[in-house]
């Protein structure tokens, strides 16, 4: 996944707000930390949180990340 994304800089939104708009208007999944994710899911009812503790399965030392 990182190889694909790092070779295509256009897949990285510049802001959280831009990432959320991409989720709403494109076929796009947005990874962000859980507190920001929960905040935005509460304010944009068309969004949903997928994969709670997504990266904890990979590395117990990473922060709690989620995907919109």
C-alpha atoms as a PDB file:
ATOM      1  CA  UNK A   1       0.000   0.000   0.000  1.00  0.00           C
ATOM      2  CA  UNK A   2       2.784   2.458   0.901  1.00  0.00           C
ATOM      3  CA  UNK A   3       4.686   1.757  -2.336  1.00  0.00           C
ATOM      4  CA  UNK A   4       1.578   2.550  -4.380  1.00  0.00           C
ATOM      5  CA  UNK A   5       0.743   5.679  -2.406  1.00  0.00           C
ATOM      6  CA  UNK A   6       4.274   7.071  -2.211  1.00  0.00           C
ATOM      7  CA  UNK A   7       4.647   6.838  -5.982  1.00  0.00           C
ATOM      8  CA  UNK A   8       1.456   8.912  -6.433  1.00  0.00           C
ATOM      9  CA  UNK A   9       1.609  12.131  -4.366  1.00  0.00           C
ATOM     10  CA  UNK A  10      -1.803  13.199  -5.687  1.00  0.00           C
ATOM     11  CA  UNK A  11      -3.446  10.613  -3.383  1.00  0.00           C
ATOM     12  CA  UNK A  12      -2.447  12.608  -0.264  1.00  0.00           C
ATOM     13  CA  UNK A  13      -4.877  15.360   0.739  1.00  0.00           C
ATOM     14  CA  UNK A  14      -3.249  18.491   2.136  1.00  0.00           C
ATOM     15  CA  UNK A  15      -5.722  18.876   5.027  1.00  0.00           C
ATOM     16  CA  UNK A  16      -8.135  16.752   7.042  1.00  0.00           C
ATOM     17  CA  UNK A  17     -11.010  18.745   5.565  1.00  0.00           C
ATOM     18  CA  UNK A  18      -9.828  17.953   2.040  1.00  0.00           C
ATOM     19  CA  UNK A  19      -9.532  14.249   2.934  1.00  0.00           C
ATOM     20  CA  UNK A  20     -13.094  14.230   4.260  1.00  0.00           C
ATOM     21  CA  UNK A  21     -14.354  15.877   1.073  1.00  0.00           C
ATOM     22  CA  UNK A  22     -12.560  13.212  -0.981  1.00  0.00           C
ATOM     23  CA  UNK A  23     -14.280  10.500   1.090  1.00  0.00           C
ATOM     24  CA  UNK A  24     -17.652  12.126   0.471  1.00  0.00           C
ATOM     25  CA  UNK A  25     -17.161  12.787  -3.246  1.00  0.00           C
ATOM     26  CA  UNK A  26     -14.730  10.157  -4.534  1.00  0.00           C
ATOM     27  CA  UNK A  27     -13.952   6.478  -4.123  1.00  0.00           C
ATOM     28  CA  UNK A  28     -11.433   7.241  -1.344  1.00  0.00           C
ATOM     29  CA  UNK A  29     -10.539   5.853   2.079  1.00  0.00           C
ATOM     30  CA  UNK A  30      -8.893   8.265   4.515  1.00  0.00           C
ATOM     31  CA  UNK A  31      -6.613   7.126   7.354  1.00  0.00           C
ATOM     32  CA  UNK A  32      -6.401   9.316  10.419  1.00  0.00           C
ATOM     33  CA  UNK A  33      -6.002   9.021  14.155  1.00  0.00           C
ATOM     34  CA  UNK A  34      -9.025   7.935  16.162  1.00  0.00           C
ATOM     35  CA  UNK A  35      -9.854  11.140  18.072  1.00  0.00           C
ATOM     36  CA  UNK A  36     -10.001  13.193  14.860  1.00  0.00           C
ATOM     37  CA  UNK A  37     -11.947  10.424  13.162  1.00  0.00           C
ATOM     38  CA  UNK A  38     -14.539  10.211  15.946  1.00  0.00           C
ATOM     39  CA  UNK A  39     -14.912  14.013  16.003  1.00  0.00           C
ATOM     40  CA  UNK A  40     -15.581  14.153  12.258  1.00  0.00           C
ATOM     41  CA  UNK A  41     -17.886  11.117  12.179  1.00  0.00           C
ATOM     42  CA  UNK A  42     -20.071  12.871  14.785  1.00  0.00           C
ATOM     43  CA  UNK A  43     -20.258  16.014  12.653  1.00  0.00           C
ATOM     44  CA  UNK A  44     -20.712  14.362   9.245  1.00  0.00           C
ATOM     45  CA  UNK A  45     -23.384  11.687   9.656  1.00  0.00           C
ATOM     46  CA  UNK A  46     -22.743  10.268   6.166  1.00  0.00           C
ATOM     47  CA  UNK A  47     -19.276   9.117   7.300  1.00  0.00           C
ATOM     48  CA  UNK A  48     -18.520   5.959   9.231  1.00  0.00           C
ATOM     49  CA  UNK A  49     -15.511   4.666  11.073  1.00  0.00           C
ATOM     50  CA  UNK A  50     -14.008   1.463   9.693  1.00  0.00           C
ATOM     51  CA  UNK A  51     -11.320  -0.672  11.292  1.00  0.00           C
ATOM     52  CA  UNK A  52     -11.085   0.567  14.864  1.00  0.00           C
ATOM     53  CA  UNK A  53      -7.596  -0.160  16.176  1.00  0.00           C
ATOM     54  CA  UNK A  54      -6.607  -0.855  12.547  1.00  0.00           C
ATOM     55  CA  UNK A  55      -2.868  -0.516  13.028  1.00  0.00           C
ATOM     56  CA  UNK A  56      -2.698  -2.024  16.505  1.00  0.00           C
ATOM     57  CA  UNK A  57      -2.878  -5.390  14.786  1.00  0.00           C
ATOM     58  CA  UNK A  58       0.358  -4.538  12.970  1.00  0.00           C
ATOM     59  CA  UNK A  59       2.348  -2.789  15.679  1.00  0.00           C
ATOM     60  CA  UNK A  60       1.320  -2.357  19.311  1.00  0.00           C
ATOM     61  CA  UNK A  61       3.432   0.826  19.576  1.00  0.00           C
ATOM     62  CA  UNK A  62       1.563   2.813  16.924  1.00  0.00           C
ATOM     63  CA  UNK A  63      -1.156   5.267  17.832  1.00  0.00           C
ATOM     64  CA  UNK A  64      -4.757   4.220  17.422  1.00  0.00           C
ATOM     65  CA  UNK A  65      -5.513   4.923  13.757  1.00  0.00           C
ATOM     66  CA  UNK A  66      -8.829   4.597  11.955  1.00  0.00           C
ATOM     67  CA  UNK A  67     -10.144   4.850   8.451  1.00  0.00           C
ATOM     68  CA  UNK A  68     -13.106   6.841   7.125  1.00  0.00           C
END
